[in-house]
Amino acid sequence: MDDGYKSGKGLYICTESFSLIEIKTLINILKNKFNLECSYHKVTNGYIIYIFSTSKAKLIELLKSYFIKEFYYKLELELDVENK
């Protein structure tokens, strides 16, 4: 929940501690099992996964029930009035 951020209209998952082979495996799972469009980007200390803006709504739908309210801002979710 904490190791990711939005950038423009897409989302990044911070995966610098994983090998490129592991990241490619994870991307294949995200694509094949969840039909998410994603890729990896090289950064100074490794690689991070980028979720395309076209898959952002689908990812949010998959994850929102697992997010605690303190991290809703990462997915640009609004709190229900009752849950504030």
PDB file of N, CA and C in Angstrom:
ATOM      1  N   MET A   1       0.825  -1.188   0.000  1.00  0.00           N
ATOM      2  CA  MET A   1       0.000   0.000   0.000  1.00  0.00           C
ATOM      3  C   MET A   1       0.872   1.255   0.000  1.00  0.00           C
ATOM      4  N   ASP A   2       1.999   1.175   0.651  1.00  0.00           N
ATOM      5  CA  ASP A   2       2.827   2.359   0.818  1.00  0.00           C
ATOM      6  C   ASP A   2       3.872   2.519  -0.277  1.00  0.00           C
ATOM      7  N   ASP A   3       4.244   1.446  -0.962  1.00  0.00           N
ATOM      8  CA  ASP A   3       5.319   1.530  -1.941  1.00  0.00           C
ATOM      9  C   ASP A   3       4.809   1.762  -3.359  1.00  0.00           C
ATOM     10  N   GLY A   4       4.166   2.896  -3.540  1.00  0.00           N
ATOM     11  CA  GLY A   4       3.695   3.275  -4.858  1.00  0.00           C
ATOM     12  C   GLY A   4       3.268   4.722  -4.849  1.00  0.00           C
ATOM     13  N   TYR A   5       3.099   5.280  -6.045  1.00  0.00           N
ATOM     14  CA  TYR A   5       2.685   6.673  -6.156  1.00  0.00           C
ATOM     15  C   TYR A   5       2.119   6.939  -7.544  1.00  0.00           C
ATOM     16  N   LYS A   6       1.339   7.997  -7.630  1.00  0.00           N
ATOM     17  CA  LYS A   6       0.795   8.385  -8.928  1.00  0.00           C
ATOM     18  C   LYS A   6       1.772   9.337  -9.604  1.00  0.00           C
ATOM     19  N   SER A   7       1.767   9.285 -10.902  1.00  0.00           N
ATOM     20  CA  SER A   7       2.616  10.164 -11.691  1.00  0.00           C
ATOM     21  C   SER A   7       1.853  10.493 -12.954  1.00  0.00           C
ATOM     22  N   GLY A   8       1.476  11.751 -13.094  1.00  0.00           N
ATOM     23  CA  GLY A   8       0.611  12.109 -14.211  1.00  0.00           C
ATOM     24  C   GLY A   8      -0.705  11.381 -14.037  1.00  0.00           C
ATOM     25  N   LYS A   9      -1.087  10.621 -15.038  1.00  0.00           N
ATOM     26  CA  LYS A   9      -2.355   9.878 -14.966  1.00  0.00           C
ATOM     27  C   LYS A   9      -2.144   8.411 -14.618  1.00  0.00           C
ATOM     28  N   GLY A  10      -0.894   7.962 -14.568  1.00  0.00           N
ATOM     29  CA  GLY A  10      -0.601   6.562 -14.270  1.00  0.00           C
ATOM     30  C   GLY A  10      -0.133   6.376 -12.840  1.00  0.00           C
ATOM     31  N   LEU A  11       0.250   5.152 -12.531  1.00  0.00           N
ATOM     32  CA  LEU A  11       0.698   4.803 -11.188  1.00  0.00           C
ATOM     33  C   LEU A  11       2.006   4.026 -11.255  1.00  0.00           C
ATOM     34  N   TYR A  12       2.872   4.253 -10.285  1.00  0.00           N
ATOM     35  CA  TYR A  12       4.110   3.491 -10.157  1.00  0.00           C
ATOM     36  C   TYR A  12       4.044   2.592  -8.938  1.00  0.00           C
ATOM     37  N   ILE A  13       4.608   1.400  -9.062  1.00  0.00           N
ATOM     38  CA  ILE A  13       4.810   0.503  -7.930  1.00  0.00           C
ATOM     39  C   ILE A  13       6.322   0.406  -7.745  1.00  0.00           C
ATOM     40  N   CYS A  14       6.785   0.748  -6.561  1.00  0.00           N
ATOM     41  CA  CYS A  14       8.226   0.768  -6.282  1.00  0.00           C
ATOM     42  C   CYS A  14       8.739  -0.652  -6.065  1.00  0.00           C
ATOM     43  N   THR A  15       9.440  -1.153  -7.062  1.00  0.00           N
ATOM     44  CA  THR A  15       9.910  -2.538  -7.043  1.00  0.00           C
ATOM     45  C   THR A  15      11.425  -2.610  -7.220  1.00  0.00           C
ATOM     46  N   GLU A  16      12.138  -1.579  -6.787  1.00  0.00           N
ATOM     47  CA  GLU A  16      13.582  -1.515  -7.006  1.00  0.00           C
ATOM     48  C   GLU A  16      14.352  -2.672  -6.379  1.00  0.00           C
ATOM     49  N   SER A  17      13.814  -3.274  -5.341  1.00  0.00           N
ATOM     50  CA  SER A  17      14.529  -4.358  -4.666  1.00  0.00           C
ATOM     51  C   SER A  17      14.358  -5.707  -5.355  1.00  0.00           C
ATOM     52  N   PHE A  18      13.543  -5.765  -6.404  1.00  0.00           N
ATOM     53  CA  PHE A  18      13.335  -7.004  -7.146  1.00  0.00           C
ATOM     54  C   PHE A  18      14.249  -7.046  -8.364  1.00  0.00           C
ATOM     55  N   SER A  19      14.584  -8.245  -8.792  1.00  0.00           N
ATOM     56  CA  SER A  19      15.385  -8.397 -10.014  1.00  0.00           C
ATOM     57  C   SER A  19      14.508  -8.109 -11.229  1.00  0.00           C
ATOM     58  N   LEU A  20      15.141  -7.851 -12.354  1.00  0.00           N
ATOM     59  CA  LEU A  20      14.385  -7.595 -13.578  1.00  0.00           C
ATOM     60  C   LEU A  20      13.553  -8.815 -13.976  1.00  0.00           C
ATOM     61  N   ILE A  21      14.072  -9.999 -13.766  1.00  0.00           N
ATOM     62  CA  ILE A  21      13.314 -11.220 -14.085  1.00  0.00           C
ATOM     63  C   ILE A  21      12.060 -11.298 -13.218  1.00  0.00           C
ATOM     64  N   GLU A  22      12.181 -10.986 -11.934  1.00  0.00           N
ATOM     65  CA  GLU A  22      11.028 -11.008 -11.035  1.00  0.00           C
ATOM     66  C   GLU A  22       9.996  -9.952 -11.442  1.00  0.00           C
ATOM     67  N   ILE A  23      10.465  -8.784 -11.839  1.00  0.00           N
ATOM     68  CA  ILE A  23       9.562  -7.707 -12.262  1.00  0.00           C
ATOM     69  C   ILE A  23       8.824  -8.101 -13.541  1.00  0.00           C
ATOM     70  N   LYS A  24       9.537  -8.700 -14.482  1.00  0.00           N
ATOM     71  CA  LYS A  24       8.890  -9.148 -15.713  1.00  0.00           C
ATOM     72  C   LYS A  24       7.842 -10.231 -15.418  1.00  0.00           C
ATOM     73  N   THR A  25       8.134 -11.104 -14.464  1.00  0.00           N
ATOM     74  CA  THR A  25       7.170 -12.129 -14.065  1.00  0.00           C
ATOM     75  C   THR A  25       5.927 -11.484 -13.464  1.00  0.00           C
ATOM     76  N   LEU A  26       6.128 -10.523 -12.581  1.00  0.00           N
ATOM     77  CA  LEU A  26       5.002  -9.821 -11.973  1.00  0.00           C
ATOM     78  C   LEU A  26       4.177  -9.077 -13.020  1.00  0.00           C
ATOM     79  N   ILE A  27       4.832  -8.434 -13.955  1.00  0.00           N
ATOM     80  CA  ILE A  27       4.115  -7.730 -15.031  1.00  0.00           C
ATOM     81  C   ILE A  27       3.275  -8.718 -15.841  1.00  0.00           C
ATOM     82  N   ASN A  28       3.836  -9.875 -16.134  1.00  0.00           N
ATOM     83  CA  ASN A  28       3.064 -10.894 -16.876  1.00  0.00           C
ATOM     84  C   ASN A  28       1.822 -11.320 -16.099  1.00  0.00           C
ATOM     85  N   ILE A  29       1.945 -11.456 -14.789  1.00  0.00           N
ATOM     86  CA  ILE A  29       0.787 -11.810 -13.963  1.00  0.00           C
ATOM     87  C   ILE A  29      -0.242 -10.689 -13.994  1.00  0.00           C
ATOM     88  N   LEU A  30       0.210  -9.452 -13.843  1.00  0.00           N
ATOM     89  CA  LEU A  30      -0.706  -8.311 -13.872  1.00  0.00           C
ATOM     90  C   LEU A  30      -1.437  -8.220 -15.212  1.00  0.00           C
ATOM     91  N   LYS A  31      -0.732  -8.515 -16.287  1.00  0.00           N
ATOM     92  CA  LYS A  31      -1.338  -8.466 -17.622  1.00  0.00           C
ATOM     93  C   LYS A  31      -2.289  -9.635 -17.852  1.00  0.00           C
ATOM     94  N   ASN A  32      -1.830 -10.849 -17.554  1.00  0.00           N
ATOM     95  CA  ASN A  32      -2.601 -12.048 -17.885  1.00  0.00           C
ATOM     96  C   ASN A  32      -3.747 -12.331 -16.929  1.00  0.00           C
ATOM     97  N   LYS A  33      -3.520 -12.143 -15.639  1.00  0.00           N
ATOM     98  CA  LYS A  33      -4.554 -12.478 -14.662  1.00  0.00           C
ATOM     99  C   LYS A  33      -5.538 -11.329 -14.440  1.00  0.00           C
ATOM    100  N   PHE A  34      -5.028 -10.091 -14.468  1.00  0.00           N
ATOM    101  CA  PHE A  34      -5.871  -8.940 -14.137  1.00  0.00           C
ATOM    102  C   PHE A  34      -6.122  -8.014 -15.327  1.00  0.00           C
ATOM    103  N   ASN A  35      -5.547  -8.326 -16.488  1.00  0.00           N
ATOM    104  CA  ASN A  35      -5.742  -7.546 -17.712  1.00  0.00           C
ATOM    105  C   ASN A  35      -5.351  -6.073 -17.530  1.00  0.00           C
ATOM    106  N   LEU A  36      -4.236  -5.848 -16.837  1.00  0.00           N
ATOM    107  CA  LEU A  36      -3.734  -4.488 -16.624  1.00  0.00           C
ATOM    108  C   LEU A  36      -2.630  -4.189 -17.623  1.00  0.00           C
ATOM    109  N   GLU A  37      -2.658  -2.995 -18.174  1.00  0.00           N
ATOM    110  CA  GLU A  37      -1.591  -2.559 -19.066  1.00  0.00           C
ATOM    111  C   GLU A  37      -0.496  -1.949 -18.208  1.00  0.00           C
ATOM    112  N   CYS A  38       0.708  -2.515 -18.313  1.00  0.00           N
ATOM    113  CA  CYS A  38       1.812  -2.015 -17.506  1.00  0.00           C
ATOM    114  C   CYS A  38       3.143  -2.320 -18.175  1.00  0.00           C
ATOM    115  N   SER A  39       4.182  -1.683 -17.660  1.00  0.00           N
ATOM    116  CA  SER A  39       5.536  -1.895 -18.151  1.00  0.00           C
ATOM    117  C   SER A  39       6.488  -1.610 -16.996  1.00  0.00           C
ATOM    118  N   TYR A  40       7.774  -1.689 -17.280  1.00  0.00           N
ATOM    119  CA  TYR A  40       8.750  -1.326 -16.258  1.00  0.00           C
ATOM    120  C   TYR A  40       9.606  -0.170 -16.760  1.00  0.00           C
ATOM    121  N   HIS A  41      10.090   0.611 -15.813  1.00  0.00           N
ATOM    122  CA  HIS A  41      10.957   1.741 -16.126  1.00  0.00           C
ATOM    123  C   HIS A  41      12.250   1.600 -15.339  1.00  0.00           C
ATOM    124  N   LYS A  42      13.365   1.913 -15.967  1.00  0.00           N
ATOM    125  CA  LYS A  42      14.667   1.903 -15.299  1.00  0.00           C
ATOM    126  C   LYS A  42      14.794   3.160 -14.461  1.00  0.00           C
ATOM    127  N   VAL A  43      15.202   2.981 -13.212  1.00  0.00           N
ATOM    128  CA  VAL A  43      15.514   4.096 -12.318  1.00  0.00           C
ATOM    129  C   VAL A  43      16.939   3.883 -11.800  1.00  0.00           C
ATOM    130  N   THR A  44      17.434   4.825 -11.049  1.00  0.00           N
ATOM    131  CA  THR A  44      18.824   4.790 -10.600  1.00  0.00           C
ATOM    132  C   THR A  44      19.211   3.472  -9.936  1.00  0.00           C
ATOM    133  N   ASN A  45      18.373   2.972  -9.056  1.00  0.00           N
ATOM    134  CA  ASN A  45      18.746   1.792  -8.271  1.00  0.00           C
ATOM    135  C   ASN A  45      17.951   0.533  -8.634  1.00  0.00           C
ATOM    136  N   GLY A  46      17.413   0.457  -9.836  1.00  0.00           N
ATOM    137  CA  GLY A  46      16.677  -0.739 -10.247  1.00  0.00           C
ATOM    138  C   GLY A  46      15.590  -0.436 -11.257  1.00  0.00           C
ATOM    139  N   TYR A  47      14.466  -1.127 -11.111  1.00  0.00           N
ATOM    140  CA  TYR A  47      13.333  -0.988 -12.022  1.00  0.00           C
ATOM    141  C   TYR A  47      12.052  -0.836 -11.223  1.00  0.00           C
ATOM    142  N   ILE A  48      11.126  -0.048 -11.753  1.00  0.00           N
ATOM    143  CA  ILE A  48       9.821   0.111 -11.126  1.00  0.00           C
ATOM    144  C   ILE A  48       8.741  -0.209 -12.156  1.00  0.00           C
ATOM    145  N   ILE A  49       7.598  -0.641 -11.650  1.00  0.00           N
ATOM    146  CA  ILE A  49       6.478  -1.003 -12.526  1.00  0.00           C
ATOM    147  C   ILE A  49       5.585   0.212 -12.710  1.00  0.00           C
ATOM    148  N   TYR A  50       5.216   0.467 -13.957  1.00  0.00           N
ATOM    149  CA  TYR A  50       4.306   1.558 -14.298  1.00  0.00           C
ATOM    150  C   TYR A  50       2.978   0.968 -14.765  1.00  0.00           C
ATOM    151  N   ILE A  51       1.895   1.393 -14.114  1.00  0.00           N
ATOM    152  CA  ILE A  51       0.543   1.001 -14.519  1.00  0.00           C
ATOM    153  C   ILE A  51      -0.006   2.128 -15.399  1.00  0.00           C
ATOM    154  N   PHE A  52      -0.339   1.821 -16.634  1.00  0.00           N
ATOM    155  CA  PHE A  52      -0.818   2.836 -17.570  1.00  0.00           C
ATOM    156  C   PHE A  52      -2.126   3.455 -17.089  1.00  0.00           C
ATOM    157  N   SER A  53      -2.344   4.682 -17.485  1.00  0.00           N
ATOM    158  CA  SER A  53      -3.570   5.388 -17.105  1.00  0.00           C
ATOM    159  C   SER A  53      -4.816   4.649 -17.577  1.00  0.00           C
ATOM    160  N   THR A  54      -4.703   3.908 -18.673  1.00  0.00           N
ATOM    161  CA  THR A  54      -5.852   3.155 -19.190  1.00  0.00           C
ATOM    162  C   THR A  54      -6.256   1.997 -18.274  1.00  0.00           C
ATOM    163  N   SER A  55      -5.372   1.602 -17.371  1.00  0.00           N
ATOM    164  CA  SER A  55      -5.664   0.516 -16.428  1.00  0.00           C
ATOM    165  C   SER A  55      -5.867   1.011 -15.001  1.00  0.00           C
ATOM    166  N   LYS A  56      -5.753   2.301 -14.795  1.00  0.00           N
ATOM    167  CA  LYS A  56      -5.838   2.849 -13.435  1.00  0.00           C
ATOM    168  C   LYS A  56      -7.186   2.547 -12.776  1.00  0.00           C
ATOM    169  N   ALA A  57      -8.281   2.766 -13.463  1.00  0.00           N
ATOM    170  CA  ALA A  57      -9.612   2.524 -12.886  1.00  0.00           C
ATOM    171  C   ALA A  57      -9.790   1.051 -12.530  1.00  0.00           C
ATOM    172  N   LYS A  58      -9.305   0.163 -13.390  1.00  0.00           N
ATOM    173  CA  LYS A  58      -9.414  -1.270 -13.134  1.00  0.00           C
ATOM    174  C   LYS A  58      -8.590  -1.662 -11.902  1.00  0.00           C
ATOM    175  N   LEU A  59      -7.391  -1.114 -11.769  1.00  0.00           N
ATOM    176  CA  LEU A  59      -6.552  -1.404 -10.609  1.00  0.00           C
ATOM    177  C   LEU A  59      -7.189  -0.891  -9.327  1.00  0.00           C
ATOM    178  N   ILE A  60      -7.740   0.304  -9.375  1.00  0.00           N
ATOM    179  CA  ILE A  60      -8.407   0.872  -8.202  1.00  0.00           C
ATOM    180  C   ILE A  60      -9.578  -0.007  -7.779  1.00  0.00           C
ATOM    181  N   GLU A  61     -10.342  -0.468  -8.731  1.00  0.00           N
ATOM    182  CA  GLU A  61     -11.479  -1.343  -8.414  1.00  0.00           C
ATOM    183  C   GLU A  61     -11.007  -2.630  -7.743  1.00  0.00           C
ATOM    184  N   LEU A  62      -9.884  -3.164  -8.188  1.00  0.00           N
ATOM    185  CA  LEU A  62      -9.339  -4.385  -7.599  1.00  0.00           C
ATOM    186  C   LEU A  62      -8.817  -4.161  -6.177  1.00  0.00           C
ATOM    187  N   LEU A  63      -8.262  -2.979  -5.907  1.00  0.00           N
ATOM    188  CA  LEU A  63      -7.550  -2.742  -4.649  1.00  0.00           C
ATOM    189  C   LEU A  63      -8.303  -1.967  -3.578  1.00  0.00           C
ATOM    190  N   LYS A  64      -9.291  -1.189  -3.946  1.00  0.00           N
ATOM    191  CA  LYS A  64      -9.840  -0.221  -3.001  1.00  0.00           C
ATOM    192  C   LYS A  64     -10.404  -0.836  -1.726  1.00  0.00           C
ATOM    193  N   SER A  65     -10.914  -2.038  -1.769  1.00  0.00           N
ATOM    194  CA  SER A  65     -11.460  -2.636  -0.551  1.00  0.00           C
ATOM    195  C   SER A  65     -10.360  -3.053   0.428  1.00  0.00           C
ATOM    196  N   TYR A  66      -9.118  -3.094  -0.022  1.00  0.00           N
ATOM    197  CA  TYR A  66      -7.995  -3.476   0.832  1.00  0.00           C
ATOM    198  C   TYR A  66      -7.245  -2.274   1.411  1.00  0.00           C
ATOM    199  N   PHE A  67      -7.493  -1.091   0.876  1.00  0.00           N
ATOM    200  CA  PHE A  67      -6.770   0.104   1.301  1.00  0.00           C
ATOM    201  C   PHE A  67      -7.340   0.661   2.600  1.00  0.00           C
ATOM    202  N   ILE A  68      -6.441   1.054   3.496  1.00  0.00           N
ATOM    203  CA  ILE A  68      -6.888   1.767   4.687  1.00  0.00           C
ATOM    204  C   ILE A  68      -7.082   3.228   4.305  1.00  0.00           C
ATOM    205  N   LYS A  69      -7.953   3.915   5.023  1.00  0.00           N
ATOM    206  CA  LYS A  69      -8.349   5.263   4.634  1.00  0.00           C
ATOM    207  C   LYS A  69      -7.178   6.237   4.560  1.00  0.00           C
ATOM    208  N   GLU A  70      -6.134   6.013   5.353  1.00  0.00           N
ATOM    209  CA  GLU A  70      -4.982   6.921   5.337  1.00  0.00           C
ATOM    210  C   GLU A  70      -4.224   6.893   4.017  1.00  0.00           C
ATOM    211  N   PHE A  71      -4.456   5.875   3.217  1.00  0.00           N
ATOM    212  CA  PHE A  71      -3.779   5.770   1.931  1.00  0.00           C
ATOM    213  C   PHE A  71      -4.703   5.989   0.738  1.00  0.00           C
ATOM    214  N   TYR A  72      -5.934   6.393   0.963  1.00  0.00           N
ATOM    215  CA  TYR A  72      -6.868   6.662  -0.137  1.00  0.00           C
ATOM    216  C   TYR A  72      -6.323   7.713  -1.108  1.00  0.00           C
ATOM    217  N   TYR A  73      -5.571   8.655  -0.591  1.00  0.00           N
ATOM    218  CA  TYR A  73      -5.045   9.723  -1.456  1.00  0.00           C
ATOM    219  C   TYR A  73      -4.160   9.160  -2.563  1.00  0.00           C
ATOM    220  N   LYS A  74      -3.518   8.023  -2.319  1.00  0.00           N
ATOM    221  CA  LYS A  74      -2.646   7.437  -3.337  1.00  0.00           C
ATOM    222  C   LYS A  74      -3.424   6.994  -4.571  1.00  0.00           C
ATOM    223  N   LEU A  75      -4.689   6.649  -4.372  1.00  0.00           N
ATOM    224  CA  LEU A  75      -5.540   6.231  -5.489  1.00  0.00           C
ATOM    225  C   LEU A  75      -6.573   7.292  -5.842  1.00  0.00           C
ATOM    226  N   GLU A  76      -6.424   8.460  -5.244  1.00  0.00           N
ATOM    227  CA  GLU A  76      -7.350   9.573  -5.452  1.00  0.00           C
ATOM    228  C   GLU A  76      -8.777   9.180  -5.097  1.00  0.00           C
ATOM    229  N   LEU A  77      -8.928   8.422  -4.007  1.00  0.00           N
ATOM    230  CA  LEU A  77     -10.244   8.008  -3.536  1.00  0.00           C
ATOM    231  C   LEU A  77     -10.747   8.994  -2.500  1.00  0.00           C
ATOM    232  N   GLU A  78     -12.041   9.189  -2.476  1.00  0.00           N
ATOM    233  CA  GLU A  78     -12.667  10.051  -1.488  1.00  0.00           C
ATOM    234  C   GLU A  78     -13.179   9.181  -0.346  1.00  0.00           C
ATOM    235  N   LEU A  79     -13.107   9.695   0.872  1.00  0.00           N
ATOM    236  CA  LEU A  79     -13.674   9.000   2.011  1.00  0.00           C
ATOM    237  C   LEU A  79     -15.174   9.217   2.050  1.00  0.00           C
ATOM    238  N   ASP A  80     -15.927   8.187   2.420  1.00  0.00           N
ATOM    239  CA  ASP A  80     -17.346   8.372   2.678  1.00  0.00           C
ATOM    240  C   ASP A  80     -17.487   9.250   3.910  1.00  0.00           C
ATOM    241  N   VAL A  81     -18.496  10.064   3.967  1.00  0.00           N
ATOM    242  CA  VAL A  81     -18.721  10.951   5.109  1.00  0.00           C
ATOM    243  C   VAL A  81     -18.751  10.151   6.411  1.00  0.00           C
ATOM    244  N   GLU A  82     -19.358   8.969   6.400  1.00  0.00           N
ATOM    245  CA  GLU A  82     -19.470   8.138   7.592  1.00  0.00           C
ATOM    246  C   GLU A  82     -18.119   7.607   8.053  1.00  0.00           C
ATOM    247  N   ASN A  83     -17.159   7.478   7.146  1.00  0.00           N
ATOM    248  CA  ASN A  83     -15.873   6.875   7.493  1.00  0.00           C
ATOM    249  C   ASN A  83     -14.782   7.883   7.806  1.00  0.00           C
ATOM    250  N   LYS A  84     -15.087   9.178   7.787  1.00  0.00           N
ATOM    251  CA  LYS A  84     -14.058  10.187   8.047  1.00  0.00           C
ATOM    252  C   LYS A  84     -13.674  10.220   9.484  1.00  0.00           C
TER     253      LYS A  84
END
